[in-house]
Structures are given as structure tokens and as C-alpha cells.
């Protein structure tokens, strides 16, 4: 059974940092495309970043590029999302997802095969 479990969310002041974790079981993160998304209240789900198994290629949304960094620890079968200079508008539920390893897989739109339950990030002003 495949499980993706996010952790690391919480309450942080504007300008602060958080590192989110996506721990996988039942699949090997190094052989999937792993994406991070968020959904803010009243808004649609938003792609943030992805890391592909091939050459650990990373892609970022232009809206967050420069403040976020995605990385992978194969030994721990975990993908991380480091978030810096957080802003109140970053408040959302953050999700990780696992998608196809195919080279033509669209990491921004998916469709992804597996999703985690999400972790809440709240940034206070």
C-alpha cells in the first residue's frame, strides 16, 4: 500500500522558514516524479515544485522560485520542501504527490497517482 505522509507544517511568523517532509512508503521516491502543491482557502490547488527521478531534475513555479527548494533523500525515501522568507499569502495546506516516472509526464498538471493528506502551514504577519 502506497502512503505519502507530509509533516513539518505549523505556525510561523512572516519572514521565517519551514522545512516540509514527504515520507513515502510502498514506493521509491527516486523512481517517481514527486511534486509539492498547496491549496489556500478559497483558491485552487497550486503547483509549487517537483523533482524527477531522472538526474534529480527540479522545476519550480515562477511564483515561488527563489524562496523554495525541493530535495530528495533516497536513503530515507523522503522528499523535502525548504521554504524561506515566508509570507502570509503562503498560508495553505501543503501536499506532496507521486506521479509517473515517464519523461513526458507533466509535473505541473499531472495527473499524479498518489497524494498525501496534507500539512497546514500558517504564516502570521
C-alpha atoms as a PDB file:
ATOM      1  CA  UNK A   1       0.000   0.000   0.000  1.00  0.00           C
ATOM      2  CA  UNK A   2       1.370   3.358  -1.050  1.00  0.00           C
ATOM      3  CA  UNK A   3       1.436   6.145   1.511  1.00  0.00           C
ATOM      4  CA  UNK A   4       2.757   9.667   1.349  1.00  0.00           C
ATOM      5  CA  UNK A   5       2.886  11.432   4.698  1.00  0.00           C
ATOM      6  CA  UNK A   6       3.622  15.133   4.936  1.00  0.00           C
ATOM      7  CA  UNK A   7       4.957  16.748   8.078  1.00  0.00           C
ATOM      8  CA  UNK A   8       6.728  19.892   9.185  1.00  0.00           C
ATOM      9  CA  UNK A   9       3.902  22.364   8.851  1.00  0.00           C
ATOM     10  CA  UNK A  10       2.923  24.766  11.582  1.00  0.00           C
ATOM     11  CA  UNK A  11       2.640  28.388  12.580  1.00  0.00           C
ATOM     12  CA  UNK A  12       5.483  30.700  11.651  1.00  0.00           C
ATOM     13  CA  UNK A  13       5.956  34.451  11.538  1.00  0.00           C
ATOM     14  CA  UNK A  14       6.389  36.251   8.261  1.00  0.00           C
ATOM     15  CA  UNK A  15       9.997  36.114   7.142  1.00  0.00           C
ATOM     16  CA  UNK A  16      10.551  32.768   8.794  1.00  0.00           C
ATOM     17  CA  UNK A  17      11.321  29.349   7.346  1.00  0.00           C
ATOM     18  CA  UNK A  18       9.903  25.862   7.423  1.00  0.00           C
ATOM     19  CA  UNK A  19      11.014  22.547   6.008  1.00  0.00           C
ATOM     20  CA  UNK A  20       8.256  20.206   4.953  1.00  0.00           C
ATOM     21  CA  UNK A  21       8.834  16.487   4.618  1.00  0.00           C
ATOM     22  CA  UNK A  22       7.106  13.937   2.425  1.00  0.00           C
ATOM     23  CA  UNK A  23       7.848  10.422   3.647  1.00  0.00           C
ATOM     24  CA  UNK A  24       6.931   7.670   1.241  1.00  0.00           C
ATOM     25  CA  UNK A  25       6.155   4.028   1.825  1.00  0.00           C
ATOM     26  CA  UNK A  26       5.148   1.462  -0.744  1.00  0.00           C
ATOM     27  CA  UNK A  27       7.053   3.284  -3.473  1.00  0.00           C
ATOM     28  CA  UNK A  28      10.564   4.522  -4.055  1.00  0.00           C
ATOM     29  CA  UNK A  29      10.706   8.294  -4.416  1.00  0.00           C
ATOM     30  CA  UNK A  30      13.807   8.097  -6.561  1.00  0.00           C
ATOM     31  CA  UNK A  31      11.798   6.353  -9.310  1.00  0.00           C
ATOM     32  CA  UNK A  32       8.843   8.766  -9.384  1.00  0.00           C
ATOM     33  CA  UNK A  33       8.223  12.391 -10.103  1.00  0.00           C
ATOM     34  CA  UNK A  34       7.389  13.951  -6.735  1.00  0.00           C
ATOM     35  CA  UNK A  35       5.544  17.221  -6.653  1.00  0.00           C
ATOM     36  CA  UNK A  36       4.608  19.710  -3.959  1.00  0.00           C
ATOM     37  CA  UNK A  37       1.330  21.601  -4.168  1.00  0.00           C
ATOM     38  CA  UNK A  38      -0.703  23.830  -1.909  1.00  0.00           C
ATOM     39  CA  UNK A  39      -4.293  24.880  -1.568  1.00  0.00           C
ATOM     40  CA  UNK A  40      -5.157  28.120   0.154  1.00  0.00           C
ATOM     41  CA  UNK A  41      -8.670  28.814   1.467  1.00  0.00           C
ATOM     42  CA  UNK A  42     -10.972  29.705  -1.390  1.00  0.00           C
ATOM     43  CA  UNK A  43      -8.319  29.077  -4.027  1.00  0.00           C
ATOM     44  CA  UNK A  44      -7.473  26.299  -6.409  1.00  0.00           C
ATOM     45  CA  UNK A  45      -4.639  23.890  -5.883  1.00  0.00           C
ATOM     46  CA  UNK A  46      -1.319  25.383  -6.934  1.00  0.00           C
ATOM     47  CA  UNK A  47       1.791  23.629  -8.182  1.00  0.00           C
ATOM     48  CA  UNK A  48       4.948  24.652  -6.321  1.00  0.00           C
ATOM     49  CA  UNK A  49       7.849  22.390  -7.197  1.00  0.00           C
ATOM     50  CA  UNK A  50       8.790  18.950  -8.429  1.00  0.00           C
ATOM     51  CA  UNK A  51      11.758  16.646  -8.542  1.00  0.00           C
ATOM     52  CA  UNK A  52      12.090  13.912 -11.106  1.00  0.00           C
ATOM     53  CA  UNK A  53      13.969  10.716 -10.777  1.00  0.00           C
ATOM     54  CA  UNK A  54      15.933  11.392 -13.924  1.00  0.00           C
ATOM     55  CA  UNK A  55      19.006  13.393 -12.930  1.00  0.00           C
ATOM     56  CA  UNK A  56      17.034  14.796  -9.971  1.00  0.00           C
ATOM     57  CA  UNK A  57      15.724  17.462 -12.310  1.00  0.00           C
ATOM     58  CA  UNK A  58      13.811  20.155 -10.425  1.00  0.00           C
ATOM     59  CA  UNK A  59      11.083  22.501 -11.619  1.00  0.00           C
ATOM     60  CA  UNK A  60       9.620  25.426  -9.705  1.00  0.00           C
ATOM     61  CA  UNK A  61       6.617  27.613 -10.105  1.00  0.00           C
ATOM     62  CA  UNK A  62       7.701  31.112 -11.037  1.00  0.00           C
ATOM     63  CA  UNK A  63       5.580  32.457  -8.174  1.00  0.00           C
ATOM     64  CA  UNK A  64       7.787  30.811  -5.545  1.00  0.00           C
ATOM     65  CA  UNK A  65      11.088  30.340  -7.311  1.00  0.00           C
ATOM     66  CA  UNK A  66      13.933  31.669  -5.210  1.00  0.00           C
ATOM     67  CA  UNK A  67      12.164  31.068  -1.904  1.00  0.00           C
ATOM     68  CA  UNK A  68      11.589  27.331  -2.128  1.00  0.00           C
ATOM     69  CA  UNK A  69      13.954  24.427  -2.601  1.00  0.00           C
ATOM     70  CA  UNK A  70      12.975  20.823  -3.231  1.00  0.00           C
ATOM     71  CA  UNK A  71      15.342  17.977  -2.428  1.00  0.00           C
ATOM     72  CA  UNK A  72      15.322  14.246  -2.003  1.00  0.00           C
ATOM     73  CA  UNK A  73      16.954  11.824   0.416  1.00  0.00           C
ATOM     74  CA  UNK A  74      16.943   8.429  -1.244  1.00  0.00           C
ATOM     75  CA  UNK A  75      18.142   6.617   1.867  1.00  0.00           C
ATOM     76  CA  UNK A  76      15.185   7.973   3.843  1.00  0.00           C
ATOM     77  CA  UNK A  77      12.804   7.705   0.876  1.00  0.00           C
ATOM     78  CA  UNK A  78      11.750  11.254   1.652  1.00  0.00           C
ATOM     79  CA  UNK A  79      11.332  14.457  -0.328  1.00  0.00           C
ATOM     80  CA  UNK A  80      11.731  17.834   1.352  1.00  0.00           C
ATOM     81  CA  UNK A  81      10.476  21.308   0.611  1.00  0.00           C
ATOM     82  CA  UNK A  82      12.503  24.069   2.225  1.00  0.00           C
ATOM     83  CA  UNK A  83      10.513  27.289   2.374  1.00  0.00           C
ATOM     84  CA  UNK A  84      12.189  30.594   3.188  1.00  0.00           C
ATOM     85  CA  UNK A  85      11.064  34.190   3.590  1.00  0.00           C
ATOM     86  CA  UNK A  86       7.533  33.025   4.226  1.00  0.00           C
ATOM     87  CA  UNK A  87       4.674  35.444   3.669  1.00  0.00           C
ATOM     88  CA  UNK A  88       1.109  35.475   4.998  1.00  0.00           C
ATOM     89  CA  UNK A  89      -0.102  34.576   1.492  1.00  0.00           C
ATOM     90  CA  UNK A  90       1.822  31.300   1.787  1.00  0.00           C
ATOM     91  CA  UNK A  91      -0.776  30.154   4.303  1.00  0.00           C
ATOM     92  CA  UNK A  92      -2.284  26.963   2.899  1.00  0.00           C
ATOM     93  CA  UNK A  93      -2.444  23.206   3.188  1.00  0.00           C
ATOM     94  CA  UNK A  94       0.632  21.735   1.527  1.00  0.00           C
ATOM     95  CA  UNK A  95       0.524  18.399  -0.243  1.00  0.00           C
ATOM     96  CA  UNK A  96       3.034  16.107  -1.856  1.00  0.00           C
ATOM     97  CA  UNK A  97       2.182  13.762  -4.686  1.00  0.00           C
ATOM     98  CA  UNK A  98       3.857  10.993  -6.665  1.00  0.00           C
ATOM     99  CA  UNK A  99       3.499  10.748 -10.413  1.00  0.00           C
ATOM    100  CA  UNK A 100       4.775   8.864 -13.395  1.00  0.00           C
ATOM    101  CA  UNK A 101       8.471   8.419 -13.996  1.00  0.00           C
ATOM    102  CA  UNK A 102       7.897   8.853 -17.735  1.00  0.00           C
ATOM    103  CA  UNK A 103       9.991  11.560 -19.306  1.00  0.00           C
ATOM    104  CA  UNK A 104       6.932  13.224 -20.824  1.00  0.00           C
ATOM    105  CA  UNK A 105       5.000  13.417 -17.559  1.00  0.00           C
ATOM    106  CA  UNK A 106       3.701  16.931 -16.967  1.00  0.00           C
ATOM    107  CA  UNK A 107       4.774  17.626 -13.394  1.00  0.00           C
ATOM    108  CA  UNK A 108       2.676  20.796 -13.170  1.00  0.00           C
ATOM    109  CA  UNK A 109      -0.670  19.330 -14.155  1.00  0.00           C
ATOM    110  CA  UNK A 110      -0.220  15.607 -13.644  1.00  0.00           C
ATOM    111  CA  UNK A 111      -2.259  13.558 -13.187  1.00  0.00           C
ATOM    112  CA  UNK A 112      -0.465  12.299 -10.114  1.00  0.00           C
ATOM    113  CA  UNK A 113      -1.077   8.764  -8.922  1.00  0.00           C
ATOM    114  CA  UNK A 114      -0.752   9.238  -5.164  1.00  0.00           C
ATOM    115  CA  UNK A 115      -1.351  12.112  -2.760  1.00  0.00           C
ATOM    116  CA  UNK A 116      -0.596  12.746   0.862  1.00  0.00           C
ATOM    117  CA  UNK A 117      -3.118  14.032   3.395  1.00  0.00           C
ATOM    118  CA  UNK A 118      -1.530  17.471   3.600  1.00  0.00           C
ATOM    119  CA  UNK A 119       0.095  19.580   6.285  1.00  0.00           C
ATOM    120  CA  UNK A 120      -1.108  23.018   7.345  1.00  0.00           C
ATOM    121  CA  UNK A 121       1.218  25.997   7.075  1.00  0.00           C
ATOM    122  CA  UNK A 122       0.101  29.240   8.661  1.00  0.00           C
ATOM    123  CA  UNK A 123       2.174  32.393   8.311  1.00  0.00           C
ATOM    124  CA  UNK A 124       1.328  35.251  10.640  1.00  0.00           C
ATOM    125  CA  UNK A 125       2.022  38.872   9.801  1.00  0.00           C
END
